[in-house]
Structures are given as structure tokens and as C-alpha cells.
Amino acid sequence: MTAETQKITKTATAAPKKRAVRTPKPKTTPKPELSSVTTPAPLTADTLIKVWFDGWKKTLHLQGRSSRFELWAFMLLNSLITVVIELKCAYYFTPRFLRQANAAGYSLDKIDHYITTAEIVFYLCISIPLFPIGSLLVRRMHDLGKLAWQNCLEPIFMGTVVLSMLLLALNELNDTDYAYTALMLSICFVTMLYSVGFYSLKFLIQTMFYRGDTQANEYGQALYKTDTDENRALNLSCFYFLFILTIGVLYLATALI
């Protein structure tokens, strides 16, 4: 038997090698992200009332942050309540109230008391909400990652300049120098329009329409920062301006009739 035939018989009689069987790994389904699982709560009247109450509670709280949704929800709901109260107060200024009061036999002191009370409540409804709105605007600047007092220095400085120029113009009235007085008054008007008005408008546009930091900044973490809340803030701002425009048109129509 030759060497070649011996090699062939050895390879034929050799036991086949066992192959390692690979067990397939179980497929693991990826865990969904939290952002796709957690959905924002639907917008309800309870949410708006809660934001409105929080705005009043934080009147003296100038720390922390407030989102655009908190600002517009407070302003819209507060405007609705204020307009209802002011319409009730305005009724006491109409001739209809005087006719009904005379028919009911009210005395002049009682009628004057009703009118004075309505006037006080009317002006309080206008002035008191300015304090929580001011604190909301300060917290909105914090939401943008900016210091509020630094953005207020520019209009305050220009307002001081305009006030000093106005006092100089009024002092010149004693000397009957009307040409100089008219010139100073015109300069005050232009300065106020292009300086104080510019910086104030810039401050309002930033606080009302700019989106704040989505992550926590040095002033803390703000609520209502999802895309859904930002869309709600945009819708509330549109409702607010439409409501104010409607009230203005109705007031103008009743004044012309």
C-alpha cells in the first residue's frame, strides 16, 4: 500500500470534528425614552386657576423662574376677571344707575357713596395686578438667564435724564421764554420716545415672547417647559390680544353711540 492511499484511508476513517453550536441571544427590546412615555397633562381650567393663584402667591417672590405659559395664563385669566369687575363698577357711572337710584328713593349721600366705592374698586383693579405682573416679568428674565435689574437700568437712567430736562423746561416758564421751553419739551418727547420707549419695548418683547432655557440654569428649574406648554403659551397670548382688541372695539363703539 502506497503512502498516498494510506493518507486517504486515514482521512476517511478520522472522526469528524464537532462544531460548536452557537445559541442565539434573546432579542432585547430597547427601552423607550422617558420623553416618549411621559405626555404632558391636558390643559384644563384647574391648571389655569392654579397658575393664576401661584402668580398672586409669588408677588413678593423675585427669585426663581417663570415660563411663558405661566405669564400668559396669569395675564389672560386676570384680564377676564378684571374686565368683569370693571364692567360692574362702570355701571355706577351711567345715567341708568342714577335713574334707578332716584326711582328707589336713594339719597344723594348714598348715591355718592356707591359712585365713590365703584371708582376706588375700579382703580384698584387696574393698579394692584401690576405688582404680580412685575414680579412675573422679573422671573421671566431669570428664565432667560439674565438679571432683571441690569435690563432695567437703561430705561431708568434715560427716564432720569428726561425728567431732569423736563424740570428745566418747566422752570423756564417763569421767564416766559416760550421758544426755549418748546424746544426743551420737544427734546424731552423725542428722548422719551426713542430711549425709554425703546428699552421698555425691548424688555417687554424679551419677557413676553422669548423662550427661556429648557434646562436648569443658575436661577433654578422652571415648570411648563415642554413643547406642548410653549404652544399653549402661544395660544394663550393670541387669545389675550384678541380679547383686549375686542374690549377696545366694544368700548369705542359704545363711546361713539
C-alpha atoms as a PDB file:
ATOM      1  CA  MET A   1       0.000   0.000   0.000  1.00  0.00           C
ATOM      2  CA  THR A   2       1.402   3.284  -1.053  1.00  0.00           C
ATOM      3  CA  ALA A   3       1.768   6.385   1.105  1.00  0.00           C
ATOM      4  CA  GLU A   4      -0.946   8.283  -0.819  1.00  0.00           C
ATOM      5  CA  THR A   5      -3.552   5.562  -0.243  1.00  0.00           C
ATOM      6  CA  GLN A   6      -2.653   5.456   3.461  1.00  0.00           C
ATOM      7  CA  LYS A   7      -3.308   9.234   3.764  1.00  0.00           C
ATOM      8  CA  ILE A   8      -6.674   8.837   2.021  1.00  0.00           C
ATOM      9  CA  THR A   9      -7.790   5.998   4.341  1.00  0.00           C
ATOM     10  CA  LYS A  10      -6.698   7.916   7.437  1.00  0.00           C
ATOM     11  CA  THR A  11      -8.684  10.977   6.457  1.00  0.00           C
ATOM     12  CA  ALA A  12     -11.712   8.828   5.614  1.00  0.00           C
ATOM     13  CA  THR A  13     -11.639   6.936   8.916  1.00  0.00           C
ATOM     14  CA  ALA A  14     -10.921  10.048  11.012  1.00  0.00           C
ATOM     15  CA  ALA A  15     -13.876  11.081  13.168  1.00  0.00           C
ATOM     16  CA  PRO A  16     -15.470  14.343  12.114  1.00  0.00           C
ATOM     17  CA  LYS A  17     -14.858  17.318  14.402  1.00  0.00           C
ATOM     18  CA  LYS A  18     -17.808  18.610  16.347  1.00  0.00           C
ATOM     19  CA  ARG A  19     -18.777  22.174  15.559  1.00  0.00           C
ATOM     20  CA  ALA A  20     -19.636  24.488  18.388  1.00  0.00           C
ATOM     21  CA  VAL A  21     -23.303  25.279  18.286  1.00  0.00           C
ATOM     22  CA  ARG A  22     -23.979  28.945  18.938  1.00  0.00           C
ATOM     23  CA  THR A  23     -27.110  29.569  20.915  1.00  0.00           C
ATOM     24  CA  PRO A  24     -28.892  32.651  19.599  1.00  0.00           C
ATOM     25  CA  LYS A  25     -29.039  35.505  22.061  1.00  0.00           C
ATOM     26  CA  PRO A  26     -32.522  36.565  23.046  1.00  0.00           C
ATOM     27  CA  LYS A  27     -33.528  39.792  21.393  1.00  0.00           C
ATOM     28  CA  THR A  28     -33.964  42.566  23.887  1.00  0.00           C
ATOM     29  CA  THR A  29     -36.445  45.250  23.033  1.00  0.00           C
ATOM     30  CA  PRO A  30     -34.977  48.718  23.601  1.00  0.00           C
ATOM     31  CA  LYS A  31     -36.488  50.608  26.474  1.00  0.00           C
ATOM     32  CA  PRO A  32     -38.425  53.630  25.366  1.00  0.00           C
ATOM     33  CA  GLU A  33     -37.117  57.006  26.397  1.00  0.00           C
ATOM     34  CA  LEU A  34     -38.819  58.917  29.117  1.00  0.00           C
ATOM     35  CA  SER A  35     -39.667  61.778  26.790  1.00  0.00           C
ATOM     36  CA  SER A  36     -41.747  59.478  24.597  1.00  0.00           C
ATOM     37  CA  VAL A  37     -43.554  57.918  27.546  1.00  0.00           C
ATOM     38  CA  THR A  38     -44.404  60.940  29.663  1.00  0.00           C
ATOM     39  CA  THR A  39     -47.062  63.062  27.999  1.00  0.00           C
ATOM     40  CA  PRO A  40     -47.992  66.483  29.340  1.00  0.00           C
ATOM     41  CA  ALA A  41     -51.257  66.809  31.174  1.00  0.00           C
ATOM     42  CA  PRO A  42     -54.156  68.284  29.216  1.00  0.00           C
ATOM     43  CA  LEU A  43     -54.886  71.971  29.659  1.00  0.00           C
ATOM     44  CA  THR A  44     -57.831  72.412  31.996  1.00  0.00           C
ATOM     45  CA  ALA A  45     -59.459  75.223  33.926  1.00  0.00           C
ATOM     46  CA  ASP A  46     -57.912  73.869  37.135  1.00  0.00           C
ATOM     47  CA  THR A  47     -54.433  74.316  35.658  1.00  0.00           C
ATOM     48  CA  LEU A  48     -55.136  77.936  34.690  1.00  0.00           C
ATOM     49  CA  ILE A  49     -56.595  78.717  38.114  1.00  0.00           C
ATOM     50  CA  LYS A  50     -53.600  77.093  39.821  1.00  0.00           C
ATOM     51  CA  VAL A  51     -51.162  79.170  37.728  1.00  0.00           C
ATOM     52  CA  TRP A  52     -53.215  82.297  38.494  1.00  0.00           C
ATOM     53  CA  PHE A  53     -53.104  81.647  42.235  1.00  0.00           C
ATOM     54  CA  ASP A  54     -49.361  80.891  42.056  1.00  0.00           C
ATOM     55  CA  GLY A  55     -48.817  84.246  40.365  1.00  0.00           C
ATOM     56  CA  TRP A  56     -50.517  86.047  43.261  1.00  0.00           C
ATOM     57  CA  LYS A  57     -48.690  83.981  45.876  1.00  0.00           C
ATOM     58  CA  LYS A  58     -45.315  84.871  44.330  1.00  0.00           C
ATOM     59  CA  THR A  59     -45.980  88.624  44.203  1.00  0.00           C
ATOM     60  CA  LEU A  60     -43.088  89.374  46.560  1.00  0.00           C
ATOM     61  CA  HIS A  61     -41.002  86.422  45.381  1.00  0.00           C
ATOM     62  CA  LEU A  62     -38.421  87.776  42.946  1.00  0.00           C
ATOM     63  CA  GLN A  63     -36.266  84.637  42.903  1.00  0.00           C
ATOM     64  CA  GLY A  64     -36.652  81.602  40.692  1.00  0.00           C
ATOM     65  CA  ARG A  65     -38.046  81.333  37.169  1.00  0.00           C
ATOM     66  CA  SER A  66     -41.379  81.545  35.367  1.00  0.00           C
ATOM     67  CA  SER A  67     -42.155  80.245  31.892  1.00  0.00           C
ATOM     68  CA  ARG A  68     -44.114  81.930  29.123  1.00  0.00           C
ATOM     69  CA  PHE A  69     -47.072  79.699  29.883  1.00  0.00           C
ATOM     70  CA  GLU A  70     -47.237  80.977  33.465  1.00  0.00           C
ATOM     71  CA  LEU A  71     -47.065  84.600  32.308  1.00  0.00           C
ATOM     72  CA  TRP A  72     -49.755  84.381  29.633  1.00  0.00           C
ATOM     73  CA  ALA A  73     -52.049  82.179  31.721  1.00  0.00           C
ATOM     74  CA  PHE A  74     -51.920  84.709  34.559  1.00  0.00           C
ATOM     75  CA  MET A  75     -52.429  87.715  32.283  1.00  0.00           C
ATOM     76  CA  LEU A  76     -55.340  86.172  30.366  1.00  0.00           C
ATOM     77  CA  LEU A  77     -57.252  84.932  33.404  1.00  0.00           C
ATOM     78  CA  ASN A  78     -56.550  88.108  35.363  1.00  0.00           C
ATOM     79  CA  SER A  79     -57.768  90.238  32.441  1.00  0.00           C
ATOM     80  CA  LEU A  80     -61.028  88.296  32.263  1.00  0.00           C
ATOM     81  CA  ILE A  81     -61.676  88.774  35.989  1.00  0.00           C
ATOM     82  CA  THR A  82     -60.634  92.439  35.889  1.00  0.00           C
ATOM     83  CA  VAL A  83     -62.897  93.268  32.947  1.00  0.00           C
ATOM     84  CA  VAL A  84     -65.910  91.668  34.674  1.00  0.00           C
ATOM     85  CA  ILE A  85     -65.296  93.697  37.850  1.00  0.00           C
ATOM     86  CA  GLU A  86     -64.681  96.921  35.919  1.00  0.00           C
ATOM     87  CA  LEU A  87     -67.864  96.488  33.898  1.00  0.00           C
ATOM     88  CA  LYS A  88     -69.779  96.129  37.140  1.00  0.00           C
ATOM     89  CA  CYS A  89     -68.088  99.263  38.508  1.00  0.00           C
ATOM     90  CA  ALA A  90     -68.749 101.190  35.296  1.00  0.00           C
ATOM     91  CA  TYR A  91     -72.484 100.581  35.740  1.00  0.00           C
ATOM     92  CA  TYR A  92     -72.488 103.018  38.670  1.00  0.00           C
ATOM     93  CA  PHE A  93     -71.172 105.789  36.411  1.00  0.00           C
ATOM     94  CA  THR A  94     -74.037 105.516  33.905  1.00  0.00           C
ATOM     95  CA  PRO A  95     -77.266 107.556  33.843  1.00  0.00           C
ATOM     96  CA  ARG A  96     -79.188 104.288  34.138  1.00  0.00           C
ATOM     97  CA  PHE A  97     -77.939 103.824  37.703  1.00  0.00           C
ATOM     98  CA  LEU A  98     -78.957 107.387  38.561  1.00  0.00           C
ATOM     99  CA  ARG A  99     -82.464 106.810  37.215  1.00  0.00           C
ATOM    100  CA  GLN A 100     -82.824 103.550  39.134  1.00  0.00           C
ATOM    101  CA  ALA A 101     -81.392 105.139  42.294  1.00  0.00           C
ATOM    102  CA  ASN A 102     -83.855 108.039  42.076  1.00  0.00           C
ATOM    103  CA  ALA A 103     -86.709 105.613  41.465  1.00  0.00           C
ATOM    104  CA  ALA A 104     -85.651 103.597  44.524  1.00  0.00           C
ATOM    105  CA  GLY A 105     -85.531 106.751  46.654  1.00  0.00           C
ATOM    106  CA  TYR A 106     -81.783 106.773  47.375  1.00  0.00           C
ATOM    107  CA  SER A 107     -80.406 109.884  48.981  1.00  0.00           C
ATOM    108  CA  LEU A 108     -77.612 111.917  47.396  1.00  0.00           C
ATOM    109  CA  ASP A 109     -75.146 110.746  50.045  1.00  0.00           C
ATOM    110  CA  LYS A 110     -75.944 107.100  49.313  1.00  0.00           C
ATOM    111  CA  ILE A 111     -75.603 107.608  45.557  1.00  0.00           C
ATOM    112  CA  ASP A 112     -72.305 109.412  46.087  1.00  0.00           C
ATOM    113  CA  HIS A 113     -71.135 106.547  48.326  1.00  0.00           C
ATOM    114  CA  TYR A 114     -71.889 103.971  45.586  1.00  0.00           C
ATOM    115  CA  ILE A 115     -70.091 106.030  42.949  1.00  0.00           C
ATOM    116  CA  THR A 116     -67.037 106.642  45.168  1.00  0.00           C
ATOM    117  CA  THR A 117     -66.773 102.952  46.099  1.00  0.00           C
ATOM    118  CA  ALA A 118     -67.073 101.899  42.460  1.00  0.00           C
ATOM    119  CA  GLU A 119     -64.377 104.395  41.479  1.00  0.00           C
ATOM    120  CA  ILE A 120     -61.998 103.112  44.163  1.00  0.00           C
ATOM    121  CA  VAL A 121     -62.564  99.464  43.179  1.00  0.00           C
ATOM    122  CA  PHE A 122     -62.132 100.399  39.504  1.00  0.00           C
ATOM    123  CA  TYR A 123     -58.689 101.923  40.030  1.00  0.00           C
ATOM    124  CA  LEU A 124     -57.626  99.172  42.450  1.00  0.00           C
ATOM    125  CA  CYS A 125     -58.396  96.540  39.800  1.00  0.00           C
ATOM    126  CA  ILE A 126     -56.053  98.384  37.449  1.00  0.00           C
ATOM    127  CA  SER A 127     -53.183  99.104  39.848  1.00  0.00           C
ATOM    128  CA  ILE A 128     -52.986  96.051  42.162  1.00  0.00           C
ATOM    129  CA  PRO A 129     -52.343  93.421  39.414  1.00  0.00           C
ATOM    130  CA  LEU A 130     -49.285  95.414  38.319  1.00  0.00           C
ATOM    131  CA  PHE A 131     -47.330  94.029  41.291  1.00  0.00           C
ATOM    132  CA  PRO A 132     -47.668  90.284  40.499  1.00  0.00           C
ATOM    133  CA  ILE A 133     -47.183  91.028  36.789  1.00  0.00           C
ATOM    134  CA  GLY A 134     -43.975  92.922  37.615  1.00  0.00           C
ATOM    135  CA  SER A 135     -42.630  90.007  39.663  1.00  0.00           C
ATOM    136  CA  LEU A 136     -43.594  87.639  36.830  1.00  0.00           C
ATOM    137  CA  LEU A 137     -41.593  89.749  34.375  1.00  0.00           C
ATOM    138  CA  VAL A 138     -38.589  89.645  36.710  1.00  0.00           C
ATOM    139  CA  ARG A 139     -38.789  85.852  36.931  1.00  0.00           C
ATOM    140  CA  ARG A 140     -39.192  85.701  33.154  1.00  0.00           C
ATOM    141  CA  MET A 141     -35.853  87.466  32.787  1.00  0.00           C
ATOM    142  CA  HIS A 142     -34.373  84.845  35.122  1.00  0.00           C
ATOM    143  CA  ASP A 143     -35.907  82.215  32.866  1.00  0.00           C
ATOM    144  CA  LEU A 144     -33.877  83.703  30.018  1.00  0.00           C
ATOM    145  CA  GLY A 145     -30.728  83.510  32.162  1.00  0.00           C
ATOM    146  CA  LYS A 146     -30.473  87.293  32.624  1.00  0.00           C
ATOM    147  CA  LEU A 147     -30.544  89.623  35.582  1.00  0.00           C
ATOM    148  CA  ALA A 148     -33.686  91.729  35.598  1.00  0.00           C
ATOM    149  CA  TRP A 149     -32.192  94.793  37.289  1.00  0.00           C
ATOM    150  CA  GLN A 150     -29.451  95.098  34.652  1.00  0.00           C
ATOM    151  CA  ASN A 151     -32.058  95.350  31.895  1.00  0.00           C
ATOM    152  CA  CYS A 152     -33.982  97.939  33.908  1.00  0.00           C
ATOM    153  CA  LEU A 153     -31.002 100.265  34.392  1.00  0.00           C
ATOM    154  CA  GLU A 154     -31.140 101.617  30.843  1.00  0.00           C
ATOM    155  CA  PRO A 155     -34.785 102.872  30.900  1.00  0.00           C
ATOM    156  CA  ILE A 156     -34.361 104.141  34.484  1.00  0.00           C
ATOM    157  CA  PHE A 157     -31.271 106.139  33.508  1.00  0.00           C
ATOM    158  CA  MET A 158     -32.911 107.592  30.422  1.00  0.00           C
ATOM    159  CA  GLY A 159     -36.073 108.350  32.401  1.00  0.00           C
ATOM    160  CA  THR A 160     -33.989 110.299  34.918  1.00  0.00           C
ATOM    161  CA  VAL A 161     -32.415 112.290  32.087  1.00  0.00           C
ATOM    162  CA  VAL A 162     -35.807 113.056  30.580  1.00  0.00           C
ATOM    163  CA  LEU A 163     -37.237 114.071  33.956  1.00  0.00           C
ATOM    164  CA  SER A 164     -34.354 116.461  34.646  1.00  0.00           C
ATOM    165  CA  MET A 165     -34.763 118.038  31.202  1.00  0.00           C
ATOM    166  CA  LEU A 166     -38.485 118.380  31.795  1.00  0.00           C
ATOM    167  CA  LEU A 167     -37.895 120.149  35.112  1.00  0.00           C
ATOM    168  CA  LEU A 168     -35.511 122.582  33.392  1.00  0.00           C
ATOM    169  CA  ALA A 169     -38.128 123.306  30.757  1.00  0.00           C
ATOM    170  CA  LEU A 170     -40.810 123.936  33.383  1.00  0.00           C
ATOM    171  CA  ASN A 171     -38.516 126.317  35.261  1.00  0.00           C
ATOM    172  CA  GLU A 172     -38.099 128.368  32.109  1.00  0.00           C
ATOM    173  CA  LEU A 173     -41.842 129.023  32.047  1.00  0.00           C
ATOM    174  CA  ASN A 174     -41.330 131.622  34.767  1.00  0.00           C
ATOM    175  CA  ASP A 175     -39.096 133.618  32.415  1.00  0.00           C
ATOM    176  CA  THR A 176     -41.748 133.450  29.633  1.00  0.00           C
ATOM    177  CA  ASP A 177     -39.166 132.137  27.195  1.00  0.00           C
ATOM    178  CA  TYR A 178     -41.684 130.075  25.241  1.00  0.00           C
ATOM    179  CA  ALA A 179     -39.360 129.294  22.324  1.00  0.00           C
ATOM    180  CA  TYR A 180     -36.761 127.730  24.623  1.00  0.00           C
ATOM    181  CA  THR A 181     -39.483 125.916  26.578  1.00  0.00           C
ATOM    182  CA  ALA A 182     -40.991 124.481  23.395  1.00  0.00           C
ATOM    183  CA  LEU A 183     -37.552 123.333  22.264  1.00  0.00           C
ATOM    184  CA  MET A 184     -36.838 121.615  25.583  1.00  0.00           C
ATOM    185  CA  LEU A 185     -40.252 119.929  25.617  1.00  0.00           C
ATOM    186  CA  SER A 186     -39.743 118.617  22.087  1.00  0.00           C
ATOM    187  CA  ILE A 187     -36.297 117.265  23.038  1.00  0.00           C
ATOM    188  CA  CYS A 188     -37.836 115.551  26.088  1.00  0.00           C
ATOM    189  CA  PHE A 189     -40.513 113.962  23.936  1.00  0.00           C
ATOM    190  CA  VAL A 190     -38.048 112.676  21.346  1.00  0.00           C
ATOM    191  CA  THR A 191     -35.688 111.387  24.047  1.00  0.00           C
ATOM    192  CA  MET A 192     -38.503 109.587  25.836  1.00  0.00           C
ATOM    193  CA  LEU A 193     -39.831 108.102  22.617  1.00  0.00           C
ATOM    194  CA  TYR A 194     -36.532 106.775  21.314  1.00  0.00           C
ATOM    195  CA  SER A 195     -34.784 105.855  24.565  1.00  0.00           C
ATOM    196  CA  VAL A 196     -37.206 104.964  27.318  1.00  0.00           C
ATOM    197  CA  GLY A 197     -39.734 103.583  24.858  1.00  0.00           C
ATOM    198  CA  PHE A 198     -37.097 101.562  23.007  1.00  0.00           C
ATOM    199  CA  TYR A 199     -35.615  99.920  26.101  1.00  0.00           C
ATOM    200  CA  SER A 200     -39.026  99.324  27.658  1.00  0.00           C
ATOM    201  CA  LEU A 201     -40.318  97.730  24.467  1.00  0.00           C
ATOM    202  CA  LYS A 202     -37.196  95.594  24.247  1.00  0.00           C
ATOM    203  CA  PHE A 203     -37.705  94.425  27.845  1.00  0.00           C
ATOM    204  CA  LEU A 204     -41.372  93.567  27.213  1.00  0.00           C
ATOM    205  CA  ILE A 205     -40.660  91.691  23.976  1.00  0.00           C
ATOM    206  CA  GLN A 206     -37.973  89.596  25.657  1.00  0.00           C
ATOM    207  CA  THR A 207     -40.076  88.704  28.669  1.00  0.00           C
ATOM    208  CA  MET A 208     -43.301  88.028  26.777  1.00  0.00           C
ATOM    209  CA  PHE A 209     -42.155  86.270  23.624  1.00  0.00           C
ATOM    210  CA  TYR A 210     -38.666  84.807  24.099  1.00  0.00           C
ATOM    211  CA  ARG A 211     -38.434  81.166  25.079  1.00  0.00           C
ATOM    212  CA  GLY A 212     -36.463  80.509  28.243  1.00  0.00           C
ATOM    213  CA  ASP A 213     -33.758  77.952  28.931  1.00  0.00           C
ATOM    214  CA  THR A 214     -35.037  74.407  28.558  1.00  0.00           C
ATOM    215  CA  GLN A 215     -32.553  73.137  31.125  1.00  0.00           C
ATOM    216  CA  ALA A 216     -31.933  74.310  34.674  1.00  0.00           C
ATOM    217  CA  ASN A 217     -29.851  77.472  34.927  1.00  0.00           C
ATOM    218  CA  GLU A 218     -28.380  79.395  37.842  1.00  0.00           C
ATOM    219  CA  TYR A 219     -31.854  80.540  38.907  1.00  0.00           C
ATOM    220  CA  GLY A 220     -33.280  77.044  39.224  1.00  0.00           C
ATOM    221  CA  GLN A 221     -35.658  74.838  37.277  1.00  0.00           C
ATOM    222  CA  ALA A 222     -38.823  76.214  35.724  1.00  0.00           C
ATOM    223  CA  LEU A 223     -42.111  74.413  35.223  1.00  0.00           C
ATOM    224  CA  TYR A 224     -44.095  74.082  31.997  1.00  0.00           C
ATOM    225  CA  LYS A 225     -41.074  73.897  29.677  1.00  0.00           C
ATOM    226  CA  THR A 226     -42.211  71.233  27.187  1.00  0.00           C
ATOM    227  CA  ASP A 227     -43.027  71.985  23.558  1.00  0.00           C
ATOM    228  CA  THR A 228     -46.703  71.447  24.311  1.00  0.00           C
ATOM    229  CA  ASP A 229     -46.607  74.079  27.056  1.00  0.00           C
ATOM    230  CA  GLU A 230     -44.860  76.514  24.721  1.00  0.00           C
ATOM    231  CA  ASN A 231     -47.589  76.007  22.114  1.00  0.00           C
ATOM    232  CA  ARG A 232     -50.179  76.591  24.804  1.00  0.00           C
ATOM    233  CA  ALA A 233     -48.426  79.817  25.775  1.00  0.00           C
ATOM    234  CA  LEU A 234     -48.606  80.961  22.156  1.00  0.00           C
ATOM    235  CA  ASN A 235     -52.318  80.162  22.008  1.00  0.00           C
ATOM    236  CA  LEU A 236     -52.972  81.995  25.273  1.00  0.00           C
ATOM    237  CA  SER A 237     -51.110  85.063  24.010  1.00  0.00           C
ATOM    238  CA  CYS A 238     -53.273  85.091  20.867  1.00  0.00           C
ATOM    239  CA  PHE A 239     -56.431  84.806  22.978  1.00  0.00           C
ATOM    240  CA  TYR A 240     -55.176  87.625  25.194  1.00  0.00           C
ATOM    241  CA  PHE A 241     -54.575  90.070  22.351  1.00  0.00           C
ATOM    242  CA  LEU A 242     -57.863  89.155  20.658  1.00  0.00           C
ATOM    243  CA  PHE A 243     -59.690  89.694  23.949  1.00  0.00           C
ATOM    244  CA  ILE A 244     -58.059  93.089  24.536  1.00  0.00           C
ATOM    245  CA  LEU A 245     -58.809  94.101  20.930  1.00  0.00           C
ATOM    246  CA  THR A 246     -62.445  93.059  21.306  1.00  0.00           C
ATOM    247  CA  ILE A 247     -62.840  95.027  24.535  1.00  0.00           C
ATOM    248  CA  GLY A 248     -61.255  98.074  22.905  1.00  0.00           C
ATOM    249  CA  VAL A 249     -63.559  97.895  19.880  1.00  0.00           C
ATOM    250  CA  LEU A 250     -66.647  97.468  22.064  1.00  0.00           C
ATOM    251  CA  TYR A 251     -65.596 100.378  24.277  1.00  0.00           C
ATOM    252  CA  LEU A 252     -65.036 102.586  21.229  1.00  0.00           C
ATOM    253  CA  ALA A 253     -68.378 101.549  19.765  1.00  0.00           C
ATOM    254  CA  THR A 254     -70.268 102.351  22.965  1.00  0.00           C
ATOM    255  CA  ALA A 255     -68.448 105.692  23.296  1.00  0.00           C
ATOM    256  CA  LEU A 256     -69.436 106.748  19.752  1.00  0.00           C
ATOM    257  CA  ILE A 257     -73.076 105.695  20.080  1.00  0.00           C
END
